[in-house]
Structures are given as C-alpha cells and as structure tokens.
Amino acid sequence: MIEKHLKGPGSWKLNVSLLMNEDYVNAMESNIPIWKEVSQEHFDGSKMSWEWIKFKIREFSLDFLKKLTRKKREKELALLKEYETLGAVHELNPSDESSTN
C-alpha cells in the first residue's frame, strides 16, 4: 500500500523554477561536488552524508531564492519610481515630449 506523504513543518520541496535560472544551476554544479567531498570526509555512513548534502542544497536554494526575490523587488520598485517620476513630469508639462525620452 502506498502511503501519502504530507508536507509538514519538516518538509521542504525544491522550487523547480530555480532550475531554469542559469546562475543557480551553475552554482549547484560547482557546489554539489564540494559538498559531496566534505560530507565524505566528515560522515562515515552514506545516509548521513546524503542527509547533509540535502541540507546544503536546501540551505543554498533558500538563500538563493531570497536574494533573487529581493533583486526582483528592488527592480520593481525602481521601475515604479521611474514611472511615477515620468508621470509627474508629464503632468507638469504635458506638451513637452522630450522630457519622457
């Protein structure tokens, strides 16, 4: 019988959209061999080694996603500010086309 795996407070799923991000994929390709080597040096059992590698993947992925989200939010705010500035300039002088270029 197949048991359902419910997502609980101890569960984490990789946001697979990160796999479309070239920087993320390149970083993971660099980090995983390092994490594998380090885990083999510190852990005897393959299960504990694998658990540590999964922990590092989770830790890195969450940090990467936070940074990515922050950059996106900052870019969005900058664009909104530019939009508002251009709108204010246009309201002050709607016939001046050169001020919006």
Protein backbone atom coordinates (compact mmCIF):
# COMPACT_ATOMS: atom_id res chain seq x y z
CA MET A 1 0.00 0.00 0.00
CA ILE A 2 1.34 3.44 -0.93
CA GLU A 3 1.29 5.97 1.88
CA LYS A 4 0.58 9.61 1.23
CA HIS A 5 3.47 11.92 2.01
CA LEU A 6 2.05 15.04 3.55
CA LYS A 7 4.01 18.24 3.57
CA GLY A 8 4.61 19.22 7.17
CA PRO A 9 6.82 21.66 9.05
CA GLY A 10 9.85 19.43 8.47
CA SER A 11 9.24 19.03 4.76
CA TRP A 12 10.78 21.09 2.01
CA LYS A 13 10.33 20.93 -1.73
CA LEU A 14 12.70 22.47 -4.22
CA ASN A 15 11.19 25.34 -6.16
CA VAL A 16 11.78 23.79 -9.59
CA SER A 17 11.59 27.19 -11.29
CA LEU A 18 15.12 27.69 -9.93
CA LEU A 19 16.28 25.03 -12.38
CA MET A 20 15.55 27.49 -15.19
CA ASN A 21 17.95 30.02 -13.67
CA GLU A 22 21.39 29.60 -15.22
CA ASP A 23 23.20 31.17 -12.25
CA TYR A 24 21.51 28.75 -9.85
CA VAL A 25 22.29 25.71 -12.00
CA ASN A 26 25.93 26.75 -12.43
CA ALA A 27 26.31 27.34 -8.69
CA MET A 28 24.79 23.96 -7.90
CA GLU A 29 27.06 22.24 -10.42
CA SER A 30 30.01 23.81 -8.61
CA ASN A 31 28.79 23.28 -5.05
CA ILE A 32 27.49 19.71 -5.13
CA PRO A 33 30.90 18.09 -5.77
CA ILE A 34 32.38 20.19 -2.96
CA TRP A 35 29.57 19.27 -0.57
CA LYS A 36 29.94 15.62 -1.55
CA GLU A 37 33.66 15.66 -0.81
CA VAL A 38 33.20 17.44 2.52
CA SER A 39 30.40 15.08 3.56
CA GLN A 40 32.54 12.03 2.80
CA GLU A 41 35.32 13.45 4.97
CA HIS A 42 33.04 14.08 7.95
CA PHE A 43 30.41 11.33 7.82
CA ASP A 44 31.04 7.60 7.74
CA GLY A 45 27.61 6.44 6.70
CA SER A 46 26.27 7.19 3.27
CA LYS A 47 22.82 8.04 4.73
CA MET A 48 24.22 10.78 6.97
CA SER A 49 26.35 12.05 4.09
CA TRP A 50 23.29 12.22 1.83
CA GLU A 51 21.25 14.00 4.53
CA TRP A 52 23.98 16.63 4.90
CA ILE A 53 24.14 17.19 1.13
CA LYS A 54 20.35 17.62 1.03
CA PHE A 55 20.63 20.10 3.90
CA LYS A 56 23.24 22.11 1.98
CA ILE A 57 21.08 22.07 -1.18
CA ARG A 58 18.11 23.30 0.83
CA GLU A 59 20.15 25.97 2.61
CA PHE A 60 21.70 27.23 -0.62
CA SER A 61 18.41 27.14 -2.53
CA LEU A 62 16.51 29.11 0.10
CA ASP A 63 19.26 31.72 0.30
CA PHE A 64 19.47 31.98 -3.50
CA LEU A 65 15.71 32.38 -3.80
CA LYS A 66 15.65 35.09 -1.11
CA LYS A 67 18.35 37.04 -2.95
CA LEU A 68 16.57 36.57 -6.27
CA THR A 69 13.29 37.78 -4.77
CA ARG A 70 15.00 40.79 -3.20
CA LYS A 71 16.59 41.77 -6.54
CA LYS A 72 13.26 41.40 -8.32
CA ARG A 73 11.51 43.54 -5.69
CA GLU A 74 14.24 46.23 -5.91
CA LYS A 75 13.97 46.33 -9.70
CA GLU A 76 10.19 46.54 -9.48
CA LEU A 77 10.40 49.44 -7.02
CA ALA A 78 12.93 51.26 -9.19
CA LEU A 79 10.68 50.91 -12.23
CA LEU A 80 7.67 52.09 -10.25
CA LYS A 81 9.61 55.12 -9.01
CA GLU A 82 10.72 55.93 -12.57
CA TYR A 83 7.13 55.56 -13.79
CA GLU A 84 5.86 57.91 -11.08
CA THR A 85 8.61 60.44 -11.83
CA LEU A 86 7.82 60.41 -15.54
CA GLY A 87 4.11 60.74 -14.77
CA ALA A 88 4.77 63.77 -12.57
CA VAL A 89 6.96 65.37 -15.25
CA HIS A 90 4.27 64.77 -17.86
CA GLU A 91 1.59 66.29 -15.61
CA LEU A 92 3.70 69.43 -15.15
CA ASN A 93 4.30 69.85 -18.87
CA PRO A 94 2.16 67.50 -20.97
CA SER A 95 3.23 69.06 -24.29
CA ASP A 96 6.96 68.53 -23.70
CA GLU A 97 7.67 65.22 -25.43
CA SER A 98 11.45 65.42 -24.89
CA SER A 99 11.12 65.08 -21.09
CA THR A 100 9.92 61.49 -21.38
CA ASN A 101 12.83 60.32 -23.54
